[in-house]
Amino acid sequence: MSSFTIFAIGYAILIAGLAWGAFALGVSGQWIAIGSVILAGIGIITGVTSTRRRDKTESSMKEG
């Protein structure tokens, strides 16, 4: 499995746990859905940023 896949699975489990907790506290389903979508977007952005590979350009080849 790639690093992004492992990160995405872990983040999905986190979102599910938070949604379950919000449901148990009596939060409206509409707000749970909105929060889940926002957290999923943040998770995708964070996952892509932290797991992407750097492009090899001429200037980076000279430095390294």
C-alpha atoms as a PDB file:
ATOM      1  CA  MET A   1       0.000   0.000   0.000  1.00  0.00           C
ATOM      2  CA  SER A   2       1.156   3.507  -0.730  1.00  0.00           C
ATOM      3  CA  SER A   3       1.702   6.061   2.002  1.00  0.00           C
ATOM      4  CA  PHE A   4      -1.285   8.065   0.790  1.00  0.00           C
ATOM      5  CA  THR A   5      -3.584   5.029   1.012  1.00  0.00           C
ATOM      6  CA  ILE A   6      -2.553   4.324   4.594  1.00  0.00           C
ATOM      7  CA  PHE A   7      -2.981   8.012   5.461  1.00  0.00           C
ATOM      8  CA  ALA A   8      -6.436   8.110   3.813  1.00  0.00           C
ATOM      9  CA  ILE A   9      -7.626   4.990   5.655  1.00  0.00           C
ATOM     10  CA  GLY A  10      -6.475   6.398   8.987  1.00  0.00           C
ATOM     11  CA  TYR A  11      -8.104   9.741   8.301  1.00  0.00           C
ATOM     12  CA  ALA A  12     -11.371   8.033   7.276  1.00  0.00           C
ATOM     13  CA  ILE A  13     -11.371   6.130  10.581  1.00  0.00           C
ATOM     14  CA  LEU A  14     -10.789   9.421  12.426  1.00  0.00           C
ATOM     15  CA  ILE A  15     -13.698  11.106  10.606  1.00  0.00           C
ATOM     16  CA  ALA A  16     -15.976   8.130  11.286  1.00  0.00           C
ATOM     17  CA  GLY A  17     -15.114   8.225  14.985  1.00  0.00           C
ATOM     18  CA  LEU A  18     -15.749  11.951  15.238  1.00  0.00           C
ATOM     19  CA  ALA A  19     -19.054  11.607  13.353  1.00  0.00           C
ATOM     20  CA  TRP A  20     -20.127   8.787  15.663  1.00  0.00           C
ATOM     21  CA  GLY A  21     -19.253  10.885  18.703  1.00  0.00           C
ATOM     22  CA  ALA A  22     -21.171  13.866  17.338  1.00  0.00           C
ATOM     23  CA  PHE A  23     -24.181  11.624  16.661  1.00  0.00           C
ATOM     24  CA  ALA A  24     -24.003  10.283  20.219  1.00  0.00           C
ATOM     25  CA  LEU A  25     -24.022  13.867  21.508  1.00  0.00           C
ATOM     26  CA  GLY A  26     -27.174  14.621  19.510  1.00  0.00           C
ATOM     27  CA  VAL A  27     -25.684  16.814  16.781  1.00  0.00           C
ATOM     28  CA  SER A  28     -27.907  17.178  13.711  1.00  0.00           C
ATOM     29  CA  GLY A  29     -27.071  14.892  10.778  1.00  0.00           C
ATOM     30  CA  GLN A  30     -26.751  17.917   8.497  1.00  0.00           C
ATOM     31  CA  TRP A  31     -23.927  19.340  10.622  1.00  0.00           C
ATOM     32  CA  ILE A  32     -22.239  15.952  10.883  1.00  0.00           C
ATOM     33  CA  ALA A  33     -22.257  15.689   7.066  1.00  0.00           C
ATOM     34  CA  ILE A  34     -20.900  19.222   6.645  1.00  0.00           C
ATOM     35  CA  GLY A  35     -18.116  18.593   9.156  1.00  0.00           C
ATOM     36  CA  SER A  36     -17.248  15.265   7.545  1.00  0.00           C
ATOM     37  CA  VAL A  37     -16.939  16.823   4.078  1.00  0.00           C
ATOM     38  CA  ILE A  38     -14.737  19.616   5.421  1.00  0.00           C
ATOM     39  CA  LEU A  39     -12.511  17.148   7.293  1.00  0.00           C
ATOM     40  CA  ALA A  40     -12.286  14.917   4.202  1.00  0.00           C
ATOM     41  CA  GLY A  41     -11.113  17.898   2.133  1.00  0.00           C
ATOM     42  CA  ILE A  42      -8.508  18.830   4.722  1.00  0.00           C
ATOM     43  CA  GLY A  43      -7.386  15.194   4.849  1.00  0.00           C
ATOM     44  CA  ILE A  44      -6.942  14.973   1.082  1.00  0.00           C
ATOM     45  CA  ILE A  45      -4.960  18.213   0.942  1.00  0.00           C
ATOM     46  CA  THR A  46      -2.770  17.156   3.873  1.00  0.00           C
ATOM     47  CA  GLY A  47      -2.242  13.655   2.490  1.00  0.00           C
ATOM     48  CA  VAL A  48      -1.242  14.836  -0.966  1.00  0.00           C
ATOM     49  CA  THR A  49       1.067  17.498   0.442  1.00  0.00           C
ATOM     50  CA  SER A  50       2.847  15.132   2.821  1.00  0.00           C
ATOM     51  CA  THR A  51       3.161  12.131   0.492  1.00  0.00           C
ATOM     52  CA  ARG A  52       3.913  13.693  -2.893  1.00  0.00           C
ATOM     53  CA  ARG A  53       7.288  13.165  -4.501  1.00  0.00           C
ATOM     54  CA  ARG A  54       9.362  16.155  -5.486  1.00  0.00           C
ATOM     55  CA  ASP A  55       9.991  16.745  -9.181  1.00  0.00           C
ATOM     56  CA  LYS A  56      13.583  16.415 -10.279  1.00  0.00           C
ATOM     57  CA  THR A  57      14.568  19.602 -12.091  1.00  0.00           C
ATOM     58  CA  GLU A  58      17.952  20.729 -13.333  1.00  0.00           C
ATOM     59  CA  SER A  59      18.415  23.179 -10.464  1.00  0.00           C
ATOM     60  CA  SER A  60      17.574  20.567  -7.823  1.00  0.00           C
ATOM     61  CA  MET A  61      19.967  18.073  -9.431  1.00  0.00           C
ATOM     62  CA  LYS A  62      22.827  20.614  -9.196  1.00  0.00           C
ATOM     63  CA  GLU A  63      22.115  21.330  -5.509  1.00  0.00           C
ATOM     64  CA  GLY A  64      21.869  17.722  -4.402  1.00  0.00           C
END
